[in-house]
Amino acid sequence: MGNYKLLPYGISDYAQVKREGLFMVDKTKYLERMERAGHFLFLIRPRRFGKSMFLSMMEAYYDIEAKDNFDLLFGVTYSRNSRAVSPVS
């Protein structure tokens, strides 16, 4: 029973969640969809649905200053294993 991850309750910093090994649903596949969607996007989801976490994930993914941590943050995610989305290099 000891092999479970804690929920990141109240934490919306993607890098912190990944560093601490907390439970998180991989939503990096939506980066590909958003890149193809167009210029104007409206993120409407219910409360506590992960909007801030998703924006934090996008910031970590596209931030040129965070490229040294890219493998740590996105090493086992959909976006890292898919060639559909190109991170900042």
N, C-alpha and C. Protein backbone atom coordinates (compact mmCIF):
# COMPACT_ATOMS: atom_id res chain seq x y z
N MET A 1 0.81 -1.19 0.00
CA MET A 1 0.00 0.00 0.00
C MET A 1 0.86 1.26 0.00
N GLY A 2 2.15 1.14 0.16
CA GLY A 2 3.02 2.30 0.24
C GLY A 2 3.37 2.93 -1.09
N ASN A 3 2.99 2.34 -2.22
CA ASN A 3 3.34 2.89 -3.52
C ASN A 3 2.21 3.73 -4.11
N TYR A 4 1.97 4.87 -3.55
CA TYR A 4 0.98 5.79 -4.08
C TYR A 4 1.52 7.20 -3.98
N LYS A 5 1.02 8.07 -4.84
CA LYS A 5 1.46 9.46 -4.87
C LYS A 5 0.42 10.32 -4.18
N LEU A 6 0.91 11.37 -3.55
CA LEU A 6 0.02 12.32 -2.89
C LEU A 6 -0.59 13.26 -3.93
N LEU A 7 -1.78 13.74 -3.64
CA LEU A 7 -2.44 14.72 -4.50
C LEU A 7 -1.87 16.11 -4.24
N PRO A 8 -1.68 16.90 -5.27
CA PRO A 8 -1.14 18.25 -5.09
C PRO A 8 -2.22 19.25 -4.72
N TYR A 9 -2.92 19.01 -3.65
CA TYR A 9 -4.03 19.87 -3.25
C TYR A 9 -3.54 21.29 -2.98
N GLY A 10 -4.08 22.25 -3.70
CA GLY A 10 -3.73 23.66 -3.51
C GLY A 10 -2.44 24.08 -4.19
N ILE A 11 -1.77 23.18 -4.90
CA ILE A 11 -0.52 23.51 -5.59
C ILE A 11 -0.82 23.62 -7.08
N SER A 12 -0.47 24.75 -7.66
CA SER A 12 -0.72 24.94 -9.09
C SER A 12 0.57 25.18 -9.86
N ASP A 13 1.71 24.86 -9.26
CA ASP A 13 3.01 25.02 -9.91
C ASP A 13 3.44 23.68 -10.49
N TYR A 14 3.43 23.56 -11.81
CA TYR A 14 3.74 22.31 -12.49
C TYR A 14 5.13 21.79 -12.12
N ALA A 15 6.12 22.67 -12.11
CA ALA A 15 7.49 22.25 -11.80
C ALA A 15 7.58 21.68 -10.37
N GLN A 16 6.90 22.29 -9.44
CA GLN A 16 6.91 21.82 -8.06
C GLN A 16 6.26 20.44 -7.96
N VAL A 17 5.16 20.23 -8.64
CA VAL A 17 4.47 18.94 -8.63
C VAL A 17 5.37 17.85 -9.19
N LYS A 18 6.05 18.14 -10.29
CA LYS A 18 6.94 17.15 -10.90
C LYS A 18 8.16 16.88 -10.02
N ARG A 19 8.74 17.92 -9.44
CA ARG A 19 9.92 17.74 -8.58
C ARG A 19 9.59 16.91 -7.35
N GLU A 20 8.41 17.13 -6.78
CA GLU A 20 8.02 16.43 -5.56
C GLU A 20 7.38 15.08 -5.83
N GLY A 21 7.17 14.74 -7.10
CA GLY A 21 6.62 13.43 -7.45
C GLY A 21 5.17 13.25 -7.03
N LEU A 22 4.40 14.32 -7.05
CA LEU A 22 2.99 14.25 -6.68
C LEU A 22 2.16 13.71 -7.85
N PHE A 23 0.96 13.26 -7.56
CA PHE A 23 0.07 12.72 -8.59
C PHE A 23 -0.38 13.83 -9.52
N MET A 24 -0.35 13.54 -10.81
CA MET A 24 -0.80 14.50 -11.79
C MET A 24 -1.24 13.78 -13.05
N VAL A 25 -2.31 14.22 -13.66
CA VAL A 25 -2.78 13.66 -14.93
C VAL A 25 -2.02 14.37 -16.05
N ASP A 26 -1.44 13.59 -16.95
CA ASP A 26 -0.67 14.15 -18.06
C ASP A 26 -1.62 14.78 -19.09
N LYS A 27 -1.57 16.10 -19.17
CA LYS A 27 -2.42 16.82 -20.13
C LYS A 27 -1.58 17.48 -21.22
N THR A 28 -0.35 17.01 -21.38
CA THR A 28 0.52 17.61 -22.40
C THR A 28 0.04 17.35 -23.81
N LYS A 29 -0.82 16.35 -24.00
CA LYS A 29 -1.35 16.11 -25.35
C LYS A 29 -2.21 17.29 -25.83
N TYR A 30 -2.72 18.08 -24.91
CA TYR A 30 -3.54 19.23 -25.29
C TYR A 30 -2.71 20.39 -25.82
N LEU A 31 -1.40 20.38 -25.59
CA LEU A 31 -0.54 21.42 -26.17
C LEU A 31 -0.61 21.36 -27.69
N GLU A 32 -0.57 20.15 -28.22
CA GLU A 32 -0.66 19.96 -29.67
C GLU A 32 -1.98 20.51 -30.21
N ARG A 33 -3.06 20.21 -29.53
CA ARG A 33 -4.37 20.70 -29.97
C ARG A 33 -4.45 22.22 -29.91
N MET A 34 -3.89 22.79 -28.86
CA MET A 34 -3.94 24.25 -28.71
C MET A 34 -3.12 24.95 -29.77
N GLU A 35 -1.99 24.35 -30.16
CA GLU A 35 -1.18 24.97 -31.20
C GLU A 35 -1.91 25.00 -32.53
N ARG A 36 -2.74 24.02 -32.78
CA ARG A 36 -3.49 23.96 -34.03
C ARG A 36 -4.82 24.71 -33.96
N ALA A 37 -5.25 25.11 -32.78
CA ALA A 37 -6.58 25.68 -32.59
C ALA A 37 -6.72 27.10 -33.12
N GLY A 38 -5.69 27.88 -33.06
CA GLY A 38 -5.81 29.26 -33.53
C GLY A 38 -5.21 30.23 -32.53
N HIS A 39 -5.52 31.48 -32.74
CA HIS A 39 -4.90 32.54 -31.94
C HIS A 39 -5.64 32.86 -30.65
N PHE A 40 -6.93 32.67 -30.62
CA PHE A 40 -7.71 33.05 -29.45
C PHE A 40 -8.32 31.81 -28.81
N LEU A 41 -7.99 31.60 -27.56
CA LEU A 41 -8.50 30.44 -26.83
C LEU A 41 -9.17 30.91 -25.55
N PHE A 42 -10.22 30.25 -25.20
CA PHE A 42 -10.96 30.57 -23.99
C PHE A 42 -11.04 29.30 -23.15
N LEU A 43 -10.33 29.28 -22.04
CA LEU A 43 -10.30 28.10 -21.18
C LEU A 43 -11.43 28.20 -20.15
N ILE A 44 -12.49 27.51 -20.42
CA ILE A 44 -13.61 27.53 -19.49
C ILE A 44 -13.80 26.12 -18.96
N ARG A 45 -13.56 25.95 -17.70
CA ARG A 45 -13.71 24.69 -17.00
C ARG A 45 -14.24 25.00 -15.60
N PRO A 46 -14.82 24.03 -14.93
CA PRO A 46 -15.31 24.27 -13.57
C PRO A 46 -14.17 24.56 -12.58
N ARG A 47 -14.55 25.02 -11.42
CA ARG A 47 -13.57 25.25 -10.35
C ARG A 47 -12.81 23.97 -10.06
N ARG A 48 -11.55 24.12 -9.64
CA ARG A 48 -10.70 23.00 -9.23
C ARG A 48 -10.52 21.97 -10.35
N PHE A 49 -10.47 22.44 -11.59
CA PHE A 49 -10.38 21.54 -12.74
C PHE A 49 -8.99 21.55 -13.37
N GLY A 50 -8.04 22.30 -12.81
CA GLY A 50 -6.66 22.27 -13.30
C GLY A 50 -6.28 23.35 -14.29
N LYS A 51 -7.02 24.45 -14.33
CA LYS A 51 -6.70 25.52 -15.28
C LYS A 51 -5.35 26.16 -14.94
N SER A 52 -5.14 26.49 -13.70
CA SER A 52 -3.88 27.12 -13.30
C SER A 52 -2.70 26.17 -13.48
N MET A 53 -2.90 24.90 -13.16
CA MET A 53 -1.84 23.90 -13.36
C MET A 53 -1.50 23.77 -14.84
N PHE A 54 -2.52 23.80 -15.69
CA PHE A 54 -2.30 23.70 -17.12
C PHE A 54 -1.50 24.90 -17.64
N LEU A 55 -1.85 26.09 -17.19
CA LEU A 55 -1.10 27.28 -17.60
C LEU A 55 0.33 27.24 -17.09
N SER A 56 0.54 26.72 -15.88
CA SER A 56 1.88 26.57 -15.34
C SER A 56 2.67 25.55 -16.17
N MET A 57 2.01 24.49 -16.62
CA MET A 57 2.65 23.50 -17.48
C MET A 57 3.06 24.14 -18.80
N MET A 58 2.18 24.96 -19.37
CA MET A 58 2.50 25.65 -20.62
C MET A 58 3.70 26.58 -20.43
N GLU A 59 3.74 27.27 -19.32
CA GLU A 59 4.85 28.16 -19.04
C GLU A 59 6.16 27.37 -18.97
N ALA A 60 6.16 26.24 -18.28
CA ALA A 60 7.37 25.42 -18.17
C ALA A 60 7.76 24.84 -19.53
N TYR A 61 6.79 24.53 -20.36
CA TYR A 61 7.06 23.91 -21.66
C TYR A 61 7.68 24.90 -22.64
N TYR A 62 7.17 26.12 -22.66
CA TYR A 62 7.61 27.09 -23.65
C TYR A 62 8.66 28.07 -23.15
N ASP A 63 8.99 28.05 -21.88
CA ASP A 63 9.95 29.01 -21.31
C ASP A 63 11.38 28.65 -21.72
N ILE A 64 12.01 29.54 -22.48
CA ILE A 64 13.37 29.30 -22.96
C ILE A 64 14.37 29.23 -21.80
N GLU A 65 14.08 29.94 -20.72
CA GLU A 65 14.98 29.93 -19.57
C GLU A 65 14.89 28.65 -18.76
N ALA A 66 13.86 27.84 -19.01
CA ALA A 66 13.69 26.58 -18.28
C ALA A 66 14.10 25.37 -19.11
N LYS A 67 14.78 25.60 -20.23
CA LYS A 67 15.10 24.49 -21.12
C LYS A 67 16.05 23.47 -20.49
N ASP A 68 16.84 23.86 -19.52
CA ASP A 68 17.74 22.91 -18.85
C ASP A 68 16.97 21.89 -18.02
N ASN A 69 15.76 22.23 -17.60
CA ASN A 69 14.94 21.33 -16.79
C ASN A 69 13.90 20.58 -17.62
N PHE A 70 13.96 20.70 -18.94
CA PHE A 70 12.91 20.13 -19.78
C PHE A 70 12.79 18.62 -19.60
N ASP A 71 13.90 17.91 -19.61
CA ASP A 71 13.84 16.45 -19.46
C ASP A 71 13.31 16.04 -18.10
N LEU A 72 13.64 16.79 -17.08
CA LEU A 72 13.13 16.50 -15.74
C LEU A 72 11.62 16.70 -15.67
N LEU A 73 11.13 17.77 -16.28
CA LEU A 73 9.71 18.10 -16.20
C LEU A 73 8.84 17.34 -17.19
N PHE A 74 9.38 17.00 -18.35
CA PHE A 74 8.56 16.40 -19.40
C PHE A 74 9.12 15.07 -19.91
N GLY A 75 9.98 14.44 -19.14
CA GLY A 75 10.65 13.22 -19.58
C GLY A 75 9.74 12.05 -19.90
N VAL A 76 8.67 11.86 -19.18
CA VAL A 76 7.79 10.71 -19.40
C VAL A 76 6.36 11.14 -19.73
N THR A 77 6.24 12.25 -20.42
CA THR A 77 4.91 12.75 -20.77
C THR A 77 4.61 12.50 -22.24
N TYR A 78 3.37 12.70 -22.60
CA TYR A 78 2.94 12.52 -23.99
C TYR A 78 3.73 13.42 -24.93
N SER A 79 3.91 14.68 -24.55
CA SER A 79 4.57 15.63 -25.44
C SER A 79 6.03 15.26 -25.68
N ARG A 80 6.67 14.67 -24.71
CA ARG A 80 8.07 14.28 -24.87
C ARG A 80 8.20 13.06 -25.79
N ASN A 81 7.22 12.19 -25.77
CA ASN A 81 7.27 10.96 -26.56
C ASN A 81 6.56 11.10 -27.89
N SER A 82 6.01 12.27 -28.18
CA SER A 82 5.32 12.53 -29.43
C SER A 82 6.12 13.55 -30.20
N ARG A 83 6.15 13.44 -31.47
CA ARG A 83 6.88 14.41 -32.30
C ARG A 83 5.95 15.50 -32.80
N ALA A 84 4.73 15.53 -32.30
CA ALA A 84 3.74 16.48 -32.80
C ALA A 84 4.00 17.90 -32.33
N VAL A 85 4.54 18.07 -31.14
CA VAL A 85 4.75 19.40 -30.58
C VAL A 85 6.25 19.64 -30.45
N SER A 86 6.71 20.79 -30.86
CA SER A 86 8.12 21.10 -30.78
C SER A 86 8.38 22.06 -29.63
N PRO A 87 9.14 21.64 -28.61
CA PRO A 87 9.45 22.56 -27.52
C PRO A 87 10.46 23.60 -27.97
N VAL A 88 10.63 24.61 -27.18
CA VAL A 88 11.63 25.63 -27.46
C VAL A 88 13.00 24.98 -27.35
N SER A 89 13.84 25.21 -28.32
CA SER A 89 15.18 24.58 -28.27
C SER A 89 16.27 25.59 -28.18
